[in-house]
């Protein structure tokens, strides 16, 4: 993955690091960021953590780790359920080509559906771009688009895809 060395890219990476591993100190986080080419001062990192809403919480072993307040209490199953409901309500058609999936919605529906895709813990999806009535999804695998499109179609038809409870 390549990204510019901007504040937004740095903060996104901080969020990803905090979500993916136990970070016990700012110095530890600075080290991880430095290995990835983000040179950051302690003061800047401290501001980033405050602005991101990062807090330290105690683990079972008593050691404190950083977590994002927005992530506390987020249920991945609930986010997939939200996506399934949005797909059921908004998907008009789904097509794929290679690692691209194009999802059509009624006018004005694409932004909401794309947000649901972005929040859902669906590892096959790299990201989304939304217009007024079209969501473009890029998948990780070269030929993963067809599988993702099939799962979206399943959700759109009101059926539960693999591991997703429909409510």
N, C-alpha and C. Protein backbone atom coordinates (compact mmCIF):
# COMPACT_ATOMS: atom_id res chain seq x y z
N UNK A 1 0.85 -1.18 0.00
CA UNK A 1 0.00 0.00 0.00
C UNK A 1 0.89 1.23 0.00
N UNK A 2 0.55 2.19 -0.82
CA UNK A 2 1.27 3.46 -0.81
C UNK A 2 0.28 4.56 -0.46
N UNK A 3 0.75 5.49 0.31
CA UNK A 3 -0.08 6.62 0.67
C UNK A 3 0.80 7.84 0.86
N UNK A 4 0.24 9.03 0.65
CA UNK A 4 1.04 10.24 0.85
C UNK A 4 1.32 10.42 2.33
N UNK A 5 2.27 11.20 2.66
CA UNK A 5 2.63 11.46 4.05
C UNK A 5 1.93 12.72 4.53
N UNK A 6 0.61 12.70 4.45
CA UNK A 6 -0.21 13.83 4.87
C UNK A 6 -0.78 13.57 6.25
N UNK A 7 -1.36 14.61 6.84
CA UNK A 7 -2.00 14.45 8.14
C UNK A 7 -3.14 13.44 8.06
N UNK A 8 -3.95 13.52 7.03
CA UNK A 8 -5.07 12.59 6.88
C UNK A 8 -4.58 11.15 6.74
N UNK A 9 -3.55 10.94 5.93
CA UNK A 9 -3.00 9.59 5.75
C UNK A 9 -2.40 9.08 7.06
N UNK A 10 -1.70 9.95 7.78
CA UNK A 10 -1.09 9.57 9.06
C UNK A 10 -2.17 9.18 10.06
N UNK A 11 -3.21 9.98 10.15
CA UNK A 11 -4.27 9.69 11.11
C UNK A 11 -5.03 8.42 10.74
N UNK A 12 -5.21 8.21 9.46
CA UNK A 12 -5.85 6.97 9.03
C UNK A 12 -5.00 5.78 9.44
N UNK A 13 -3.69 5.89 9.23
CA UNK A 13 -2.79 4.80 9.59
C UNK A 13 -2.75 4.59 11.10
N UNK A 14 -2.80 5.66 11.88
CA UNK A 14 -2.85 5.54 13.34
C UNK A 14 -4.10 4.74 13.73
N UNK A 15 -5.22 5.08 13.15
CA UNK A 15 -6.47 4.35 13.44
C UNK A 15 -6.35 2.88 13.10
N UNK A 16 -5.75 2.59 11.94
CA UNK A 16 -5.58 1.20 11.52
C UNK A 16 -4.67 0.44 12.46
N UNK A 17 -3.58 1.07 12.87
CA UNK A 17 -2.62 0.41 13.77
C UNK A 17 -3.28 0.14 15.12
N UNK A 18 -3.98 1.12 15.66
CA UNK A 18 -4.63 0.94 16.95
C UNK A 18 -5.68 -0.16 16.87
N UNK A 19 -6.38 -0.26 15.76
CA UNK A 19 -7.41 -1.27 15.61
C UNK A 19 -6.83 -2.67 15.40
N UNK A 20 -5.62 -2.76 14.88
CA UNK A 20 -5.08 -4.07 14.50
C UNK A 20 -4.11 -4.69 15.50
N UNK A 21 -3.62 -3.92 16.45
CA UNK A 21 -2.68 -4.48 17.43
C UNK A 21 -2.74 -3.70 18.73
N UNK A 22 -2.17 -4.29 19.75
CA UNK A 22 -2.13 -3.64 21.06
C UNK A 22 -0.99 -2.63 21.08
N UNK A 23 -1.35 -1.37 21.25
CA UNK A 23 -0.37 -0.29 21.36
C UNK A 23 -0.46 0.24 22.79
N UNK A 24 0.67 0.13 23.52
CA UNK A 24 0.67 0.49 24.93
C UNK A 24 1.17 1.90 25.23
N UNK A 25 1.87 2.52 24.27
CA UNK A 25 2.42 3.85 24.55
C UNK A 25 2.53 4.66 23.25
N UNK A 26 2.65 5.96 23.42
CA UNK A 26 2.86 6.81 22.26
C UNK A 26 4.19 6.50 21.60
N UNK A 27 5.19 6.19 22.41
CA UNK A 27 6.51 5.88 21.86
C UNK A 27 6.45 4.62 20.99
N UNK A 28 5.71 3.64 21.43
CA UNK A 28 5.54 2.41 20.63
C UNK A 28 4.84 2.74 19.30
N UNK A 29 3.81 3.57 19.36
CA UNK A 29 3.10 3.97 18.15
C UNK A 29 3.99 4.79 17.22
N UNK A 30 4.78 5.69 17.81
CA UNK A 30 5.73 6.47 16.99
C UNK A 30 6.69 5.55 16.24
N UNK A 31 7.15 4.50 16.90
CA UNK A 31 8.06 3.55 16.27
C UNK A 31 7.42 2.84 15.09
N UNK A 32 6.18 2.41 15.25
CA UNK A 32 5.46 1.75 14.16
C UNK A 32 5.31 2.71 12.99
N UNK A 33 4.91 3.94 13.28
CA UNK A 33 4.72 4.94 12.22
C UNK A 33 6.04 5.25 11.53
N UNK A 34 7.13 5.36 12.29
CA UNK A 34 8.44 5.65 11.71
C UNK A 34 8.87 4.55 10.75
N UNK A 35 8.61 3.29 11.10
CA UNK A 35 8.94 2.17 10.21
C UNK A 35 8.19 2.27 8.89
N UNK A 36 7.04 2.93 8.90
CA UNK A 36 6.22 3.06 7.70
C UNK A 36 6.44 4.41 7.00
N UNK A 37 7.43 5.16 7.47
CA UNK A 37 7.77 6.41 6.80
C UNK A 37 7.06 7.65 7.31
N UNK A 38 6.36 7.53 8.42
CA UNK A 38 5.68 8.69 9.01
C UNK A 38 6.53 9.22 10.16
N UNK A 39 7.32 10.24 9.90
CA UNK A 39 8.11 10.88 10.95
C UNK A 39 7.18 11.84 11.69
N UNK A 40 6.99 11.62 12.99
CA UNK A 40 6.05 12.43 13.74
C UNK A 40 6.64 12.73 15.12
N UNK A 41 6.46 13.96 15.56
CA UNK A 41 6.93 14.34 16.90
C UNK A 41 5.93 13.84 17.94
N UNK A 42 6.38 13.78 19.19
CA UNK A 42 5.50 13.34 20.26
C UNK A 42 4.31 14.28 20.39
N UNK A 43 4.53 15.58 20.26
CA UNK A 43 3.45 16.56 20.39
C UNK A 43 2.40 16.38 19.29
N UNK A 44 2.87 16.16 18.07
CA UNK A 44 1.93 15.96 16.95
C UNK A 44 1.15 14.67 17.15
N UNK A 45 1.83 13.61 17.57
CA UNK A 45 1.16 12.34 17.79
C UNK A 45 0.12 12.48 18.90
N UNK A 46 0.46 13.20 19.94
CA UNK A 46 -0.48 13.42 21.04
C UNK A 46 -1.73 14.14 20.54
N UNK A 47 -1.55 15.18 19.72
CA UNK A 47 -2.70 15.90 19.14
C UNK A 47 -3.52 14.97 18.26
N UNK A 48 -2.84 14.15 17.44
CA UNK A 48 -3.55 13.20 16.57
C UNK A 48 -4.42 12.26 17.39
N UNK A 49 -3.87 11.73 18.48
CA UNK A 49 -4.62 10.80 19.31
C UNK A 49 -5.84 11.46 19.93
N UNK A 50 -5.67 12.69 20.39
CA UNK A 50 -6.81 13.43 20.96
C UNK A 50 -7.87 13.67 19.89
N UNK A 51 -7.44 14.15 18.73
CA UNK A 51 -8.39 14.45 17.65
C UNK A 51 -9.10 13.20 17.13
N UNK A 52 -8.43 12.06 17.18
CA UNK A 52 -9.05 10.80 16.74
C UNK A 52 -9.95 10.19 17.80
N UNK A 53 -9.88 10.72 19.02
CA UNK A 53 -10.68 10.16 20.10
C UNK A 53 -10.08 8.90 20.68
N UNK A 54 -8.76 8.77 20.61
CA UNK A 54 -8.08 7.59 21.17
C UNK A 54 -7.98 7.73 22.68
N UNK A 55 -8.27 6.66 23.36
CA UNK A 55 -8.15 6.62 24.82
C UNK A 55 -7.46 5.32 25.20
N UNK A 56 -6.91 5.31 26.42
CA UNK A 56 -6.30 4.09 26.93
C UNK A 56 -7.34 3.35 27.76
N UNK A 57 -7.43 2.04 27.52
CA UNK A 57 -8.33 1.20 28.30
C UNK A 57 -7.54 0.02 28.84
N UNK A 58 -7.91 -0.43 30.02
CA UNK A 58 -7.21 -1.54 30.65
C UNK A 58 -7.66 -2.86 30.04
N UNK A 59 -6.67 -3.73 29.79
CA UNK A 59 -6.95 -5.09 29.33
C UNK A 59 -7.12 -5.99 30.54
N UNK A 60 -7.45 -7.25 30.30
CA UNK A 60 -7.61 -8.21 31.39
C UNK A 60 -6.35 -8.36 32.22
N UNK A 61 -5.18 -8.23 31.56
CA UNK A 61 -3.92 -8.39 32.29
C UNK A 61 -3.52 -7.11 33.04
N UNK A 62 -4.35 -6.09 32.97
CA UNK A 62 -4.08 -4.84 33.68
C UNK A 62 -3.31 -3.81 32.88
N UNK A 63 -2.71 -4.21 31.76
CA UNK A 63 -1.96 -3.26 30.92
C UNK A 63 -2.95 -2.43 30.09
N UNK A 64 -2.64 -1.16 29.95
CA UNK A 64 -3.50 -0.26 29.19
C UNK A 64 -3.07 -0.23 27.73
N UNK A 65 -4.05 -0.19 26.83
CA UNK A 65 -3.78 -0.09 25.40
C UNK A 65 -4.67 1.02 24.83
N UNK A 66 -4.21 1.59 23.71
CA UNK A 66 -5.01 2.60 23.03
C UNK A 66 -6.15 1.94 22.27
N UNK A 67 -7.28 2.61 22.28
CA UNK A 67 -8.42 2.24 21.47
C UNK A 67 -9.12 3.52 21.04
N UNK A 68 -9.89 3.44 19.98
CA UNK A 68 -10.64 4.60 19.53
C UNK A 68 -12.03 4.57 20.15
N UNK A 69 -12.44 5.68 20.73
CA UNK A 69 -13.73 5.75 21.40
C UNK A 69 -14.83 5.33 20.45
N UNK A 70 -14.73 5.71 19.19
CA UNK A 70 -15.76 5.35 18.21
C UNK A 70 -15.85 3.85 18.01
N UNK A 71 -14.75 3.11 18.30
CA UNK A 71 -14.76 1.67 18.09
C UNK A 71 -15.28 0.91 19.30
N UNK A 72 -15.31 1.54 20.45
CA UNK A 72 -15.78 0.85 21.64
C UNK A 72 -17.27 0.57 21.46
N UNK A 73 -17.63 -0.67 21.56
CA UNK A 73 -19.03 -1.05 21.44
C UNK A 73 -19.50 -1.30 20.02
N UNK A 74 -18.66 -1.13 19.01
CA UNK A 74 -19.09 -1.41 17.64
C UNK A 74 -19.13 -2.92 17.46
N UNK A 75 -20.24 -3.40 16.97
CA UNK A 75 -20.44 -4.82 16.75
C UNK A 75 -20.33 -5.10 15.25
N UNK A 76 -19.30 -5.85 14.82
CA UNK A 76 -19.15 -6.14 13.39
C UNK A 76 -20.39 -6.79 12.79
N UNK A 77 -21.05 -7.65 13.56
CA UNK A 77 -22.28 -8.28 13.07
C UNK A 77 -23.38 -7.26 12.83
N UNK A 78 -23.44 -6.26 13.70
CA UNK A 78 -24.45 -5.21 13.53
C UNK A 78 -24.17 -4.40 12.27
N UNK A 79 -22.88 -4.14 11.98
CA UNK A 79 -22.54 -3.39 10.77
C UNK A 79 -22.88 -4.19 9.52
N UNK A 80 -22.66 -5.51 9.56
CA UNK A 80 -23.04 -6.35 8.41
C UNK A 80 -24.56 -6.39 8.28
N UNK A 81 -25.26 -6.41 9.41
CA UNK A 81 -26.72 -6.36 9.38
C UNK A 81 -27.22 -5.06 8.77
N UNK A 82 -26.56 -3.96 9.14
CA UNK A 82 -26.91 -2.65 8.57
C UNK A 82 -26.70 -2.67 7.05
N UNK A 83 -25.59 -3.25 6.62
CA UNK A 83 -25.32 -3.35 5.19
C UNK A 83 -26.38 -4.21 4.50
N UNK A 84 -26.72 -5.33 5.10
CA UNK A 84 -27.73 -6.22 4.51
C UNK A 84 -29.07 -5.50 4.36
N UNK A 85 -29.47 -4.75 5.38
CA UNK A 85 -30.74 -4.00 5.30
C UNK A 85 -30.67 -2.92 4.22
N UNK A 86 -29.54 -2.19 4.18
CA UNK A 86 -29.39 -1.14 3.16
C UNK A 86 -29.41 -1.74 1.77
N UNK A 87 -28.75 -2.88 1.58
CA UNK A 87 -28.73 -3.53 0.27
C UNK A 87 -30.14 -3.96 -0.11
N UNK A 88 -30.87 -4.52 0.84
CA UNK A 88 -32.24 -4.97 0.57
C UNK A 88 -33.14 -3.80 0.15
N UNK A 89 -32.91 -2.65 0.75
CA UNK A 89 -33.74 -1.48 0.47
C UNK A 89 -33.29 -0.71 -0.78
N UNK A 90 -32.00 -0.75 -1.12
CA UNK A 90 -31.47 0.18 -2.12
C UNK A 90 -30.93 -0.44 -3.41
N UNK A 91 -30.53 -1.70 -3.40
CA UNK A 91 -29.88 -2.26 -4.59
C UNK A 91 -30.90 -2.49 -5.70
N UNK A 92 -30.62 -1.89 -6.87
CA UNK A 92 -31.43 -2.07 -8.06
C UNK A 92 -30.80 -3.12 -8.96
N UNK A 93 -29.47 -3.08 -9.09
CA UNK A 93 -28.75 -4.08 -9.88
C UNK A 93 -27.31 -4.18 -9.42
N UNK A 94 -26.69 -5.32 -9.73
CA UNK A 94 -25.29 -5.56 -9.37
C UNK A 94 -24.61 -6.24 -10.56
N UNK A 95 -23.45 -5.71 -10.94
CA UNK A 95 -22.65 -6.32 -12.00
C UNK A 95 -21.19 -6.31 -11.57
N UNK A 96 -20.43 -7.27 -12.10
CA UNK A 96 -19.01 -7.30 -11.76
C UNK A 96 -18.18 -7.57 -13.00
N UNK A 97 -16.92 -7.15 -12.90
CA UNK A 97 -15.92 -7.42 -13.92
C UNK A 97 -14.58 -7.49 -13.22
N UNK A 98 -14.01 -8.68 -13.17
CA UNK A 98 -12.72 -8.84 -12.49
C UNK A 98 -12.84 -8.50 -11.02
N UNK A 99 -12.13 -7.46 -10.58
CA UNK A 99 -12.18 -7.07 -9.17
C UNK A 99 -13.04 -5.82 -8.94
N UNK A 100 -13.90 -5.50 -9.90
CA UNK A 100 -14.77 -4.33 -9.80
C UNK A 100 -16.22 -4.79 -9.69
N UNK A 101 -16.97 -4.15 -8.80
CA UNK A 101 -18.40 -4.40 -8.67
C UNK A 101 -19.11 -3.06 -8.81
N UNK A 102 -20.12 -3.02 -9.66
CA UNK A 102 -20.93 -1.82 -9.85
C UNK A 102 -22.32 -2.11 -9.31
N UNK A 103 -22.74 -1.31 -8.33
CA UNK A 103 -24.04 -1.48 -7.69
C UNK A 103 -24.87 -0.25 -8.01
N UNK A 104 -26.04 -0.46 -8.60
CA UNK A 104 -26.96 0.64 -8.92
C UNK A 104 -28.01 0.76 -7.83
N UNK A 105 -28.37 2.01 -7.52
CA UNK A 105 -29.39 2.31 -6.51
C UNK A 105 -30.38 3.29 -7.12
N UNK A 106 -31.49 3.55 -6.44
CA UNK A 106 -32.34 4.65 -6.87
C UNK A 106 -31.56 5.96 -6.74
N UNK A 107 -31.96 7.02 -7.46
CA UNK A 107 -31.26 8.30 -7.32
C UNK A 107 -31.17 8.73 -5.86
N UNK A 108 -29.97 9.15 -5.46
CA UNK A 108 -29.74 9.62 -4.09
C UNK A 108 -29.38 8.53 -3.10
N UNK A 109 -29.40 7.26 -3.50
CA UNK A 109 -29.15 6.17 -2.57
C UNK A 109 -27.72 5.70 -2.47
N UNK A 110 -26.89 6.08 -3.41
CA UNK A 110 -25.53 5.52 -3.47
C UNK A 110 -24.65 5.92 -2.29
N UNK A 111 -24.73 7.15 -1.83
CA UNK A 111 -23.87 7.59 -0.72
C UNK A 111 -24.16 6.80 0.55
N UNK A 112 -25.44 6.60 0.85
CA UNK A 112 -25.81 5.84 2.04
C UNK A 112 -25.33 4.40 1.93
N UNK A 113 -25.53 3.77 0.79
CA UNK A 113 -25.11 2.39 0.61
C UNK A 113 -23.58 2.27 0.67
N UNK A 114 -22.88 3.20 0.06
CA UNK A 114 -21.41 3.18 0.11
C UNK A 114 -20.92 3.31 1.55
N UNK A 115 -21.56 4.14 2.34
CA UNK A 115 -21.20 4.29 3.75
C UNK A 115 -21.38 2.96 4.48
N UNK A 116 -22.44 2.24 4.18
CA UNK A 116 -22.67 0.94 4.80
C UNK A 116 -21.58 -0.05 4.39
N UNK A 117 -21.17 -0.02 3.12
CA UNK A 117 -20.06 -0.88 2.68
C UNK A 117 -18.77 -0.52 3.42
N UNK A 118 -18.51 0.77 3.55
CA UNK A 118 -17.28 1.23 4.19
C UNK A 118 -17.21 0.83 5.66
N UNK A 119 -18.33 0.82 6.35
CA UNK A 119 -18.35 0.50 7.78
C UNK A 119 -18.37 -1.00 8.05
N UNK A 120 -18.82 -1.78 7.08
CA UNK A 120 -18.93 -3.23 7.29
C UNK A 120 -17.55 -3.89 7.26
N UNK A 121 -17.34 -4.86 8.12
CA UNK A 121 -16.04 -5.56 8.16
C UNK A 121 -15.95 -6.63 7.07
N UNK A 122 -15.93 -6.20 5.83
CA UNK A 122 -15.91 -7.11 4.69
C UNK A 122 -14.52 -7.03 4.07
N UNK A 123 -13.66 -7.95 4.42
CA UNK A 123 -12.24 -7.87 4.06
C UNK A 123 -11.99 -7.97 2.56
N UNK A 124 -12.91 -8.54 1.80
CA UNK A 124 -12.71 -8.65 0.35
C UNK A 124 -12.83 -7.30 -0.36
N UNK A 125 -13.43 -6.31 0.31
CA UNK A 125 -13.65 -5.00 -0.32
C UNK A 125 -12.57 -4.03 0.13
N UNK A 126 -11.83 -3.49 -0.85
CA UNK A 126 -10.80 -2.48 -0.56
C UNK A 126 -11.42 -1.12 -0.28
N UNK A 127 -12.44 -0.77 -1.03
CA UNK A 127 -13.06 0.54 -0.85
C UNK A 127 -14.19 0.76 -1.82
N UNK A 128 -14.84 1.91 -1.64
CA UNK A 128 -15.99 2.25 -2.48
C UNK A 128 -15.90 3.69 -2.94
N UNK A 129 -16.56 3.95 -4.06
CA UNK A 129 -16.73 5.30 -4.57
C UNK A 129 -18.20 5.41 -4.95
N UNK A 130 -18.85 6.48 -4.51
CA UNK A 130 -20.28 6.62 -4.76
C UNK A 130 -20.59 7.88 -5.53
N UNK A 131 -21.51 7.75 -6.44
CA UNK A 131 -22.08 8.88 -7.14
C UNK A 131 -23.47 9.10 -6.60
N UNK A 132 -24.40 9.47 -7.46
CA UNK A 132 -25.77 9.68 -7.05
C UNK A 132 -26.54 8.36 -6.98
N UNK A 133 -26.37 7.53 -8.01
CA UNK A 133 -27.12 6.28 -8.08
C UNK A 133 -26.24 5.07 -8.36
N UNK A 134 -24.93 5.22 -8.20
CA UNK A 134 -24.00 4.14 -8.50
C UNK A 134 -22.91 4.07 -7.43
N UNK A 135 -22.64 2.84 -6.97
CA UNK A 135 -21.53 2.59 -6.06
C UNK A 135 -20.54 1.70 -6.80
N UNK A 136 -19.30 2.12 -6.83
CA UNK A 136 -18.22 1.33 -7.42
C UNK A 136 -17.43 0.73 -6.27
N UNK A 137 -17.31 -0.60 -6.26
CA UNK A 137 -16.54 -1.29 -5.23
C UNK A 137 -15.31 -1.91 -5.89
N UNK A 138 -14.18 -1.81 -5.22
CA UNK A 138 -12.95 -2.45 -5.68
C UNK A 138 -12.66 -3.56 -4.68
N UNK A 139 -12.44 -4.78 -5.20
CA UNK A 139 -12.19 -5.92 -4.34
C UNK A 139 -10.71 -6.27 -4.34
N UNK A 140 -10.28 -7.02 -3.33
CA UNK A 140 -8.87 -7.39 -3.20
C UNK A 140 -8.39 -8.36 -4.26
N UNK A 141 -9.14 -9.41 -4.49
CA UNK A 141 -8.71 -10.43 -5.44
C UNK A 141 -8.98 -10.02 -6.87
N UNK A 142 -8.13 -10.46 -7.77
CA UNK A 142 -8.26 -10.12 -9.19
C UNK A 142 -9.62 -10.54 -9.73
N UNK A 143 -10.13 -11.67 -9.27
CA UNK A 143 -11.42 -12.16 -9.75
C UNK A 143 -12.46 -12.22 -8.64
N UNK A 144 -12.30 -11.44 -7.59
CA UNK A 144 -13.20 -11.49 -6.44
C UNK A 144 -14.51 -10.76 -6.66
N UNK A 145 -14.62 -9.97 -7.70
CA UNK A 145 -15.83 -9.19 -7.94
C UNK A 145 -17.07 -10.04 -8.07
N UNK A 146 -16.99 -11.17 -8.75
CA UNK A 146 -18.17 -12.02 -8.96
C UNK A 146 -18.70 -12.55 -7.63
N UNK A 147 -17.82 -12.98 -6.73
CA UNK A 147 -18.25 -13.48 -5.43
C UNK A 147 -18.89 -12.40 -4.58
N UNK A 148 -18.27 -11.22 -4.57
CA UNK A 148 -18.83 -10.09 -3.81
C UNK A 148 -20.18 -9.70 -4.39
N UNK A 149 -20.28 -9.65 -5.72
CA UNK A 149 -21.55 -9.31 -6.36
C UNK A 149 -22.63 -10.32 -5.99
N UNK A 150 -22.29 -11.59 -5.94
CA UNK A 150 -23.26 -12.62 -5.57
C UNK A 150 -23.75 -12.43 -4.14
N UNK A 151 -22.83 -12.08 -3.23
CA UNK A 151 -23.23 -11.84 -1.83
C UNK A 151 -24.14 -10.61 -1.73
N UNK A 152 -23.82 -9.57 -2.49
CA UNK A 152 -24.66 -8.36 -2.48
C UNK A 152 -26.04 -8.68 -3.01
N UNK A 153 -26.11 -9.47 -4.07
CA UNK A 153 -27.40 -9.87 -4.64
C UNK A 153 -28.21 -10.66 -3.61
N UNK A 154 -27.54 -11.53 -2.87
CA UNK A 154 -28.21 -12.30 -1.82
C UNK A 154 -28.81 -11.36 -0.78
N UNK A 155 -28.04 -10.35 -0.36
CA UNK A 155 -28.54 -9.38 0.61
C UNK A 155 -29.70 -8.58 0.03
N UNK A 156 -29.57 -8.19 -1.23
CA UNK A 156 -30.61 -7.38 -1.88
C UNK A 156 -31.93 -8.14 -1.95
N UNK A 157 -31.84 -9.45 -2.09
CA UNK A 157 -33.05 -10.28 -2.17
C UNK A 157 -33.62 -10.60 -0.80
N UNK A 158 -32.97 -10.09 0.26
CA UNK A 158 -33.47 -10.28 1.60
C UNK A 158 -33.07 -11.60 2.23
N UNK A 159 -32.15 -12.31 1.60
CA UNK A 159 -31.65 -13.57 2.17
C UNK A 159 -30.37 -13.28 2.94
N UNK A 160 -30.05 -14.12 3.90
CA UNK A 160 -28.83 -13.93 4.69
C UNK A 160 -27.63 -14.50 3.96
N UNK A 161 -26.64 -13.65 3.67
CA UNK A 161 -25.40 -14.18 3.09
C UNK A 161 -24.62 -14.94 4.15
N UNK A 162 -23.54 -15.55 3.76
CA UNK A 162 -22.72 -16.35 4.66
C UNK A 162 -22.42 -15.60 5.95
N UNK A 163 -22.94 -16.11 7.07
CA UNK A 163 -22.59 -15.55 8.37
C UNK A 163 -23.28 -14.25 8.74
N UNK A 164 -24.24 -13.78 7.95
CA UNK A 164 -24.90 -12.52 8.24
C UNK A 164 -26.35 -12.80 8.59
N UNK A 165 -26.74 -12.36 9.77
CA UNK A 165 -28.13 -12.51 10.19
C UNK A 165 -28.93 -11.32 9.67
N UNK A 166 -29.99 -11.58 9.01
CA UNK A 166 -30.85 -10.52 8.49
C UNK A 166 -31.90 -10.17 9.55
N UNK A 167 -32.12 -8.87 9.77
CA UNK A 167 -33.11 -8.47 10.78
C UNK A 167 -34.23 -7.69 10.16
